[in-house]
Protein backbone atom coordinates (compact mmCIF):
# COMPACT_ATOMS: atom_id res chain seq x y z
CA MET A 1 -7.39 -30.32 -9.16
CA ASN A 2 -8.26 -27.24 -7.12
CA TYR A 3 -5.53 -25.73 -4.94
CA LEU A 4 -6.00 -23.47 -1.91
CA LEU A 5 -3.41 -21.69 0.19
CA ILE A 6 -3.89 -22.06 3.94
CA GLU A 7 -2.20 -20.33 6.85
CA GLN A 8 -0.72 -21.48 10.12
CA ALA A 9 -1.95 -19.07 12.80
CA ASP A 10 1.37 -18.68 14.62
CA PHE A 11 3.18 -17.95 11.35
CA ARG A 12 0.57 -15.38 10.45
CA ASN A 13 1.04 -13.58 13.77
CA GLN A 14 4.84 -13.66 13.43
CA LEU A 15 4.61 -12.06 9.95
CA LYS A 16 2.73 -8.99 11.14
CA PRO A 17 2.60 -6.06 10.31
CA PHE A 18 2.60 -7.36 6.72
CA THR A 19 -0.18 -9.87 7.33
CA PHE A 20 -2.49 -7.28 8.89
CA THR A 21 -3.47 -6.33 5.33
CA ARG A 22 -2.72 -9.44 3.22
CA PRO A 23 -2.58 -13.21 3.39
CA ILE A 24 0.86 -14.74 3.87
CA ALA A 25 0.85 -15.87 0.23
CA GLU A 26 0.76 -12.24 -0.97
CA ILE A 27 4.18 -11.55 0.58
CA ARG A 28 6.81 -10.90 -2.09
CA VAL A 29 10.12 -12.69 -1.63
CA GLY A 30 12.44 -13.03 -4.62
CA ILE A 31 10.80 -11.83 -7.82
CA LEU A 32 7.32 -13.20 -7.21
CA THR A 33 4.84 -13.36 -4.36
CA ILE A 34 4.46 -16.79 -2.75
CA ARG A 35 1.10 -17.22 -4.51
CA GLU A 36 2.60 -16.32 -7.89
CA LYS A 37 5.36 -18.90 -7.37
CA TRP A 38 2.86 -21.68 -6.78
CA GLU A 39 0.70 -20.59 -9.71
CA LYS A 40 3.71 -20.67 -12.03
CA HIS A 41 4.76 -24.11 -10.84
CA LEU A 42 1.27 -25.61 -10.87
CA ASP A 43 -0.01 -23.74 -13.95
CA ALA A 44 -3.21 -23.03 -12.04
CA SER A 45 -4.97 -20.21 -10.21
CA LEU A 46 -4.94 -20.48 -6.43
CA SER A 47 -7.30 -19.00 -3.86
CA TYR A 48 -6.99 -18.59 -0.09
CA ILE A 49 -8.31 -19.71 3.23
CA SER A 50 -7.40 -16.67 5.32
CA THR A 51 -8.83 -14.63 8.18
CA PRO A 52 -12.43 -13.31 8.13
CA ALA A 53 -11.13 -9.73 7.88
CA LEU A 54 -9.42 -10.52 4.57
CA SER A 55 -11.91 -12.99 3.11
CA GLU A 56 -13.86 -10.44 1.05
CA LYS A 57 -10.75 -9.21 -0.76
CA TYR A 58 -9.16 -12.67 -0.91
CA PRO A 59 -12.05 -15.15 -1.27
CA LYS A 60 -11.67 -18.91 -1.33
CA LYS A 61 -12.78 -21.15 -4.18
CA THR A 62 -13.54 -24.77 -3.38
CA GLU A 63 -14.36 -27.84 -5.43
CA ALA A 64 -15.33 -31.40 -4.60
CA GLN A 65 -11.66 -32.37 -4.21
CA ASN A 66 -8.98 -29.91 -3.09
CA ILE A 67 -5.31 -29.77 -2.22
CA LEU A 68 -4.41 -27.36 0.56
CA ILE A 69 -0.91 -25.86 0.60
CA ASN A 70 0.81 -24.08 3.49
CA SER A 71 1.24 -20.42 2.45
CA SER A 72 4.57 -20.11 4.27
CA VAL A 73 6.20 -22.73 2.04
CA CYS A 74 7.96 -21.56 -1.14
CA PRO A 75 7.73 -24.14 -3.94
CA ASN A 76 10.44 -26.01 -5.76
CA SER A 77 10.12 -28.53 -8.59
CA GLU A 78 10.60 -31.62 -6.44
CA LEU A 79 8.05 -30.50 -3.86
CA VAL A 80 5.52 -29.55 -6.53
CA ARG A 81 5.76 -32.99 -8.14
CA ALA A 82 5.08 -34.65 -4.78
CA ILE A 83 2.05 -32.43 -4.13
CA GLN A 84 0.63 -32.97 -7.62
CA LEU A 85 0.50 -36.68 -6.87
CA GLY A 86 -2.04 -35.84 -4.20
CA ALA A 87 0.26 -36.47 -1.27
CA SER A 88 -0.34 -35.04 2.18
CA LEU A 89 3.10 -33.94 3.36
CA LYS A 90 4.78 -32.62 6.48
CA LYS A 91 8.29 -31.55 7.40
CA ASP A 92 9.66 -31.35 10.94
CA GLY A 93 6.19 -31.04 12.45
CA ILE A 94 4.93 -28.49 9.90
CA LEU A 95 2.07 -29.39 7.57
CA ILE A 96 3.08 -28.68 3.97
CA SER A 97 0.03 -29.96 2.08
CA ALA A 98 -3.15 -31.93 2.61
CA THR A 99 -6.09 -33.21 0.62
CA ALA A 100 -9.60 -32.20 1.61
CA THR A 101 -13.11 -32.50 0.27
CA GLU A 102 -15.33 -29.44 0.06
CA GLU A 103 -17.16 -30.59 3.19
CA GLU A 104 -13.92 -31.14 5.14
CA ILE A 105 -12.69 -27.60 4.47
CA GLY A 106 -15.48 -26.19 6.64
CA PHE A 107 -14.12 -28.00 9.72
CA PHE A 108 -10.49 -28.46 8.69
CA ASP A 109 -8.36 -29.94 11.47
CA PRO A 110 -4.64 -29.25 10.91
CA LYS A 111 -3.59 -31.54 13.78
CA GLN A 112 -5.42 -34.50 12.32
CA LYS A 113 -4.04 -33.82 8.84
CA LEU A 114 -0.56 -33.51 10.32
CA GLU A 115 -0.84 -36.95 11.88
CA GLU A 116 -1.98 -38.44 8.56
CA ALA A 117 0.68 -36.72 6.43
CA ALA A 118 3.82 -38.41 5.17
CA GLU A 119 7.23 -36.98 6.12
CA TYR A 120 8.80 -35.08 3.22
CA ASP A 121 12.55 -35.69 3.00
CA GLY A 122 13.39 -32.93 0.53
CA GLU A 123 14.45 -29.34 1.22
CA ILE A 124 11.85 -26.61 1.76
CA THR A 125 12.04 -22.84 2.14
CA LEU A 126 9.80 -21.42 4.87
CA ILE A 127 8.76 -17.79 5.37
CA THR A 128 7.63 -17.70 8.99
CA GLN A 129 9.38 -14.60 10.39
CA ASN A 130 9.62 -11.06 9.03
CA TRP A 131 13.38 -11.27 8.62
CA HIS A 132 13.05 -14.39 6.45
CA ILE A 133 11.73 -12.12 3.69
CA PHE A 134 15.07 -10.37 3.19
CA GLN A 135 17.19 -13.24 4.51
CA LYS A 136 15.94 -15.65 1.82
CA ASN A 137 15.43 -13.06 -0.90
CA ALA A 138 18.65 -13.76 -2.82
CA SER A 139 18.02 -17.50 -3.14
CA GLU A 140 14.40 -16.87 -4.13
CA ILE A 141 15.49 -14.37 -6.81
CA ARG A 142 17.70 -17.08 -8.28
CA SER A 143 14.90 -19.65 -8.15
CA ASP A 144 12.26 -17.31 -9.59
CA PHE A 145 14.66 -16.11 -12.29
CA GLU A 146 15.02 -19.65 -13.65
CA LEU A 147 11.29 -20.25 -13.35
CA ILE A 148 10.10 -17.21 -15.30
CA THR A 149 12.90 -16.79 -17.86
CA SER A 150 13.49 -20.39 -18.95
CA GLY A 151 13.06 -20.77 -22.71
CA ARG A 152 12.51 -17.03 -23.23
CA ASN A 153 14.67 -14.38 -24.88
CA SER A 154 15.72 -11.23 -23.07
CA GLN A 155 15.63 -7.77 -24.58
CA HIS A 156 19.08 -6.31 -25.21
CA VAL A 157 20.76 -3.37 -23.50
CA ASN A 158 20.93 -0.93 -26.39
CA ASP A 159 22.26 2.08 -24.52
CA PRO A 160 25.94 2.59 -25.46
CA HIS A 161 26.69 4.27 -22.13
CA THR A 162 25.49 1.36 -19.97
CA THR A 163 28.13 -1.10 -18.76
CA VAL A 164 27.10 -4.73 -18.32
CA TYR A 165 28.89 -7.56 -16.48
CA GLY A 166 27.59 -11.12 -16.64
CA GLU A 167 25.13 -10.38 -19.45
CA LYS A 168 23.93 -14.00 -19.62
CA ASN A 169 22.52 -13.56 -16.10
CA ILE A 170 20.44 -10.50 -17.02
CA PHE A 171 16.85 -10.71 -18.26
CA ILE A 172 15.07 -7.61 -19.50
CA GLU A 173 11.38 -7.50 -20.35
CA GLU A 174 9.81 -5.32 -23.06
CA GLY A 175 9.47 -1.57 -22.72
CA THR A 176 12.38 -1.12 -20.33
CA SER A 177 14.55 2.01 -20.38
CA ILE A 178 18.18 1.82 -19.16
CA LYS A 179 20.50 4.82 -19.48
CA ALA A 180 24.16 5.23 -18.44
CA ALA A 181 23.95 2.59 -15.71
CA ILE A 182 26.19 -0.22 -14.45
CA LEU A 183 24.61 -3.69 -14.22
CA ASN A 184 26.76 -6.37 -12.57
CA ALA A 185 25.21 -9.85 -12.65
CA GLU A 186 28.43 -11.81 -12.10
CA ASN A 187 27.38 -12.87 -8.58
CA GLY A 188 23.67 -13.33 -9.25
CA PRO A 189 20.90 -12.68 -11.77
CA ILE A 190 19.31 -9.34 -12.53
CA TYR A 191 15.65 -9.28 -13.61
CA ILE A 192 14.08 -6.10 -14.99
CA GLY A 193 10.32 -6.07 -15.51
CA LYS A 194 8.16 -4.53 -18.22
CA ASN A 195 8.28 -0.75 -18.62
CA ALA A 196 10.75 -0.43 -15.75
CA GLN A 197 13.26 2.43 -15.88
CA ILE A 198 16.85 2.54 -14.66
CA HIS A 199 18.03 6.14 -14.69
CA GLU A 200 21.42 7.69 -15.30
CA GLY A 201 24.28 6.79 -13.00
CA ALA A 202 22.53 3.92 -11.20
CA ILE A 203 24.78 1.04 -10.07
CA ILE A 204 23.06 -2.32 -9.61
CA LYS A 205 24.56 -5.58 -8.39
CA GLY A 206 22.77 -8.93 -8.54
CA PRO A 207 20.94 -10.84 -7.31
CA PHE A 208 18.39 -8.11 -7.99
CA ALA A 209 14.83 -7.84 -9.25
CA MET A 210 12.71 -4.88 -10.23
CA LEU A 211 9.16 -5.45 -11.30
CA ASP A 212 6.93 -3.81 -13.88
CA ASN A 213 6.73 0.00 -14.09
CA SER A 214 9.23 0.57 -11.28
CA HIS A 215 12.10 3.08 -11.27
CA VAL A 216 15.67 3.04 -9.99
CA ASN A 217 16.49 6.71 -9.70
CA MET A 218 19.60 8.62 -10.78
CA GLY A 219 22.78 7.73 -8.93
CA ALA A 220 21.22 4.90 -6.93
CA LYS A 221 23.50 2.25 -5.43
CA ILE A 222 21.80 -1.15 -5.20
CA LYS A 223 24.19 -3.54 -3.46
CA GLY A 224 22.35 -6.75 -4.27
CA ASP A 225 19.98 -9.32 -2.76
CA SER A 226 17.20 -6.75 -3.22
CA THR A 227 13.76 -6.63 -4.81
CA ILE A 228 11.84 -3.58 -5.96
CA GLY A 229 8.21 -4.50 -6.52
CA PRO A 230 5.90 -3.08 -9.20
CA TYR A 231 5.26 0.68 -9.38
CA CYS A 232 8.01 1.53 -6.87
CA LYS A 233 10.54 4.36 -7.06
CA VAL A 234 13.84 3.75 -5.30
CA GLY A 235 17.01 5.83 -5.00
CA GLY A 236 19.97 6.25 -2.66
CA GLU A 237 21.74 3.23 -1.16
CA VAL A 238 19.87 -0.08 -0.85
CA SER A 239 21.21 -3.39 0.46
CA ASN A 240 19.33 -6.71 0.84
CA SER A 241 15.89 -5.12 1.08
CA VAL A 242 12.44 -5.86 -0.34
CA PHE A 243 9.81 -3.33 -1.44
CA PHE A 244 6.45 -5.04 -2.02
CA ALA A 245 4.71 -2.61 -4.44
CA TYR A 246 3.64 1.04 -4.93
CA SER A 247 6.20 2.32 -2.42
CA SER A 248 8.88 4.98 -2.76
CA LYS A 249 12.31 5.71 -1.38
CA GLY A 250 13.10 8.26 -4.04
CA HIS A 251 16.04 10.10 -2.49
CA ASP A 252 19.45 9.62 -0.91
CA GLY A 253 19.72 7.73 2.35
CA PHE A 254 20.47 4.13 3.33
CA ILE A 255 18.16 1.18 3.82
CA GLY A 256 19.47 -2.32 4.49
CA ASN A 257 18.14 -5.73 5.56
CA SER A 258 14.66 -4.27 5.50
CA VAL A 259 11.14 -4.93 4.21
CA VAL A 260 8.76 -2.18 3.06
CA GLY A 261 5.10 -2.93 2.37
CA GLU A 262 2.75 -1.24 -0.11
CA TRP A 263 1.91 2.48 -0.41
CA CYS A 264 4.80 3.55 1.82
CA ASN A 265 7.01 6.59 1.36
CA LEU A 266 10.41 7.25 2.91
CA GLY A 267 11.31 10.96 2.97
CA ALA A 268 14.56 12.39 1.64
CA ASP A 269 17.69 11.27 3.53
CA THR A 270 15.84 8.64 5.57
CA ASN A 271 18.44 6.29 7.05
CA THR A 272 17.97 2.87 8.59
CA SER A 273 20.49 1.30 10.92
CA ASN A 274 20.93 -2.40 10.23
CA LEU A 275 23.84 -3.14 12.60
CA LYS A 276 24.14 -2.34 16.32
CA ASN A 277 27.26 -0.53 17.51
CA ASN A 278 28.11 -3.44 19.81
CA TYR A 279 27.52 -6.00 17.03
CA ALA A 280 25.00 -7.84 19.21
CA ASN A 281 22.04 -9.76 17.81
CA VAL A 282 19.13 -7.56 16.75
CA LYS A 283 15.84 -7.90 18.60
CA LEU A 284 12.64 -7.23 16.67
CA TRP A 285 9.10 -6.58 17.89
CA ASP A 286 7.07 -9.79 17.66
CA TYR A 287 3.29 -9.30 17.56
CA ALA A 288 2.74 -12.95 18.47
CA LYS A 289 4.82 -12.58 21.64
CA GLY A 290 3.77 -9.03 22.43
CA GLY A 291 7.41 -8.14 23.00
CA PHE A 292 10.84 -8.14 21.43
CA LYS A 293 12.33 -11.34 20.01
CA ASP A 294 15.96 -12.18 19.31
CA THR A 295 16.33 -12.62 15.55
CA GLY A 296 19.70 -14.32 15.86
CA LEU A 297 20.92 -11.85 13.23
CA GLN A 298 23.59 -9.17 13.36
CA PHE A 299 22.00 -7.35 10.42
CA CYS A 300 18.34 -6.35 10.56
CA GLY A 301 16.84 -3.00 9.66
CA LEU A 302 13.28 -1.71 9.15
CA MET A 303 9.95 -3.55 8.84
CA MET A 304 7.30 -1.09 7.61
CA GLY A 305 3.64 -2.00 7.17
CA ASP A 306 1.35 -0.76 4.38
CA HIS A 307 0.42 2.93 4.01
CA SER A 308 3.07 4.12 6.48
CA LYS A 309 5.26 7.18 5.79
CA CYS A 310 8.24 8.98 7.28
CA GLY A 311 9.45 12.56 6.92
CA ILE A 312 12.79 13.88 5.69
CA ASN A 313 15.91 13.00 7.68
CA THR A 314 14.10 10.27 9.62
CA MET A 315 16.51 7.95 11.48
CA PHE A 316 15.29 4.43 12.20
CA ASN A 317 17.21 2.46 14.79
CA THR A 318 18.36 -1.11 14.26
CA GLY A 319 15.42 -3.51 14.14
CA THR A 320 12.52 -1.05 13.95
CA VAL A 321 8.96 -2.23 13.27
CA VAL A 322 6.39 0.26 11.98
CA GLY A 323 2.77 -0.81 11.75
CA VAL A 324 0.09 0.15 9.21
CA CYS A 325 -0.92 3.75 8.39
CA SER A 326 1.66 5.40 10.63
CA ASN A 327 3.35 8.75 10.01
CA VAL A 328 6.82 9.18 11.51
CA PHE A 329 8.72 12.48 11.56
CA GLY A 330 10.98 14.73 13.60
CA SER A 331 14.57 14.66 14.85
CA GLY A 332 16.17 11.89 16.88
CA PHE A 333 15.53 8.16 16.86
CA PRO A 334 11.88 7.16 17.37
CA ARG A 335 11.13 4.05 19.41
CA ASN A 336 11.85 0.78 17.62
CA PHE A 337 8.25 -0.40 17.80
CA ILE A 338 5.81 2.07 16.28
CA PRO A 339 2.21 0.82 16.38
CA SER A 340 -0.30 1.18 13.58
CA TYR A 341 -1.99 4.59 13.22
CA ALA A 342 0.78 6.41 15.09
CA TRP A 343 1.53 10.08 14.39
CA GLY A 344 4.84 11.54 15.64
CA GLY A 345 8.39 10.51 16.40
CA ALA A 346 11.09 10.66 19.08
CA ALA A 347 9.22 13.44 20.90
CA GLY A 348 6.17 11.22 21.32
CA PHE A 349 3.13 9.94 19.47
CA SER A 350 -0.54 10.65 19.12
CA THR A 351 -3.14 8.70 17.16
CA PHE A 352 -3.45 9.18 13.42
CA ASN A 353 -7.19 9.69 13.05
CA LEU A 354 -8.79 7.05 10.81
CA LYS A 355 -10.57 9.61 8.64
CA LYS A 356 -7.34 11.53 8.02
CA ALA A 357 -5.48 8.30 7.33
CA PHE A 358 -8.06 7.49 4.66
CA GLU A 359 -7.67 10.95 3.14
CA VAL A 360 -3.91 10.43 2.78
CA ALA A 361 -4.34 6.92 1.39
CA GLU A 362 -6.88 8.16 -1.17
CA ARG A 363 -4.55 10.91 -2.41
CA VAL A 364 -1.60 8.54 -2.66
CA MET A 365 -3.55 5.85 -4.49
CA GLU A 366 -5.17 8.31 -6.90
CA ARG A 367 -1.70 9.21 -8.18
CA ARG A 368 -1.38 5.59 -9.40
CA ASP A 369 -4.95 5.44 -10.74
CA LYS A 370 -6.10 3.28 -7.83
CA ILE A 371 -8.94 3.84 -5.40
CA LEU A 372 -9.33 3.15 -1.71
CA ASP A 373 -12.51 1.15 -2.13
CA GLU A 374 -14.94 -0.02 0.53
CA VAL A 375 -13.25 -3.39 0.87
CA GLU A 376 -9.86 -1.77 1.58
CA GLN A 377 -11.46 0.70 3.99
CA LYS A 378 -13.10 -2.15 5.86
CA ILE A 379 -9.77 -3.97 6.26
CA LEU A 380 -8.07 -0.81 7.53
CA THR A 381 -10.98 0.06 9.84
CA GLU A 382 -10.96 -3.37 11.46
CA HIS A 383 -7.22 -3.12 11.94
CA TYR A 384 -7.57 0.35 13.47
CA GLU A 385 -9.78 -1.19 16.15
CA GLU A 386 -7.65 -4.31 16.73
CA SER A 387 -4.44 -2.27 17.03
CA LYS A 388 -5.74 0.03 19.80
CA PRO A 389 -4.01 -1.93 22.61
CA ASP A 390 -0.63 -1.26 20.95
CA ARG A 391 -1.16 2.53 21.10
CA ILE A 392 -0.26 2.81 24.76
CA TRP A 393 -0.60 6.61 24.82
CA GLU A 394 -4.38 6.20 24.36
CA LYS A 395 -4.51 4.62 27.84
CA ASP A 396 -3.15 7.74 29.57
C-alpha cells in the first residue's frame, strides 16, 4: 500500500513560521520528525501532498490505491494497526486517514472523506499549534525512544569521569563521545545519536534527545524535555526546547519552552523569557489569525523560523515569534512578532534584502557541506514575496 501525508490548511497556517519552508510532517517533535515516525511504524517510505511552493522539494508519489494520513497526527501502535486495515478514520471532527485512488487524489474532498470516515475511539497526539511542539516533546521522546531502541543494544559510557543515573533509560549510538558529564535518566530516557559529542561539564536530564553529529557544549545545563536535532551545537541553559537541525546556540544564555528551526544561530548570551512577570497566559502571534492568540500557557518562549539569526546579548520577550531569514540585534527587547526578512531590533527594522539573505545562507550552509540550491532559493524567494504584508515598515 502507498501512503501519503496530507495537510489540513488551518493547521498549516497555525504552524507558521515553521511551515513556510517545510511540510507539517517535517516538523521534529520527540526524537523523530512526524514523517520519520510514520515510516518507522509502517516500515514504508511516505511522500507528501503539500503546497505548490513546496511540491518540487517534497514531491508526491501516487499509486492506484493510496492511504492518506493527516500530517498533524503522531502515530501510535494502535492507530497504525487501524490504518493498515485500510480504515478511513476521524476523531472529534478531524480527519485522521482516508483511502483514495490515484484519480481521486487530484480532486480530493476532505469534507466528503470526513463524512465517510469512522470515529476512532483511541487516543491521538495532534501537532496543530506551534507550542504543541515543545508541549508534547517529552511524551514523544518517550514514545520514539521505545520505537527506535527496542531490541537493540546501546553503546556503553566508557568515560570514567562521567556520572550516570538511570543507565537502563539511556541509549547511545555508535561514534559518540561523552567526557566528564552528568547524565540523569531517572525521570525520562536519554537518546544520543551517532557521532554526537557531549563535552566536559555538561549536565543533562531526561527526557532528552540529541541527534546525529550534534554537540552539547562545555558546561551546558539541559533541564529536560528537550531535543537537539542533527548537526546542532547547543550550550548554556536549555529547558523544554526543540532545535530542528543545523542550528546553534553555542554560548551561555537561557532558552526555554521554545522551538528553533533550521540554520538558525543565537548569539552569545541570548536570553529568552518564557514566563511573564504577572504570570498571565502568554499570547503568541498567529499567522492564521493575523494577530496574537492566547496559548493558554504560562510558559512559552521563542518560535524562530529557518535561517534567522540574533546577535550577542539579544533579549527575546515572552512569546516571541521570528519569521524566516531575519536578523535581530541591538539592545532592549525587540517586538514580539518579527516578520520574515527583518533586519534590526528594538530600535526598529528595515528589510533584509533577498540577495544578501541568500549570501548569508550560502556561507552558513557551506560550513556544513550543504548548498543553497535553486529549489531552496525558489522556496525562500516565494516566501519573501508572500511575507511583504507583514513588514509594515515597507508601507511607510
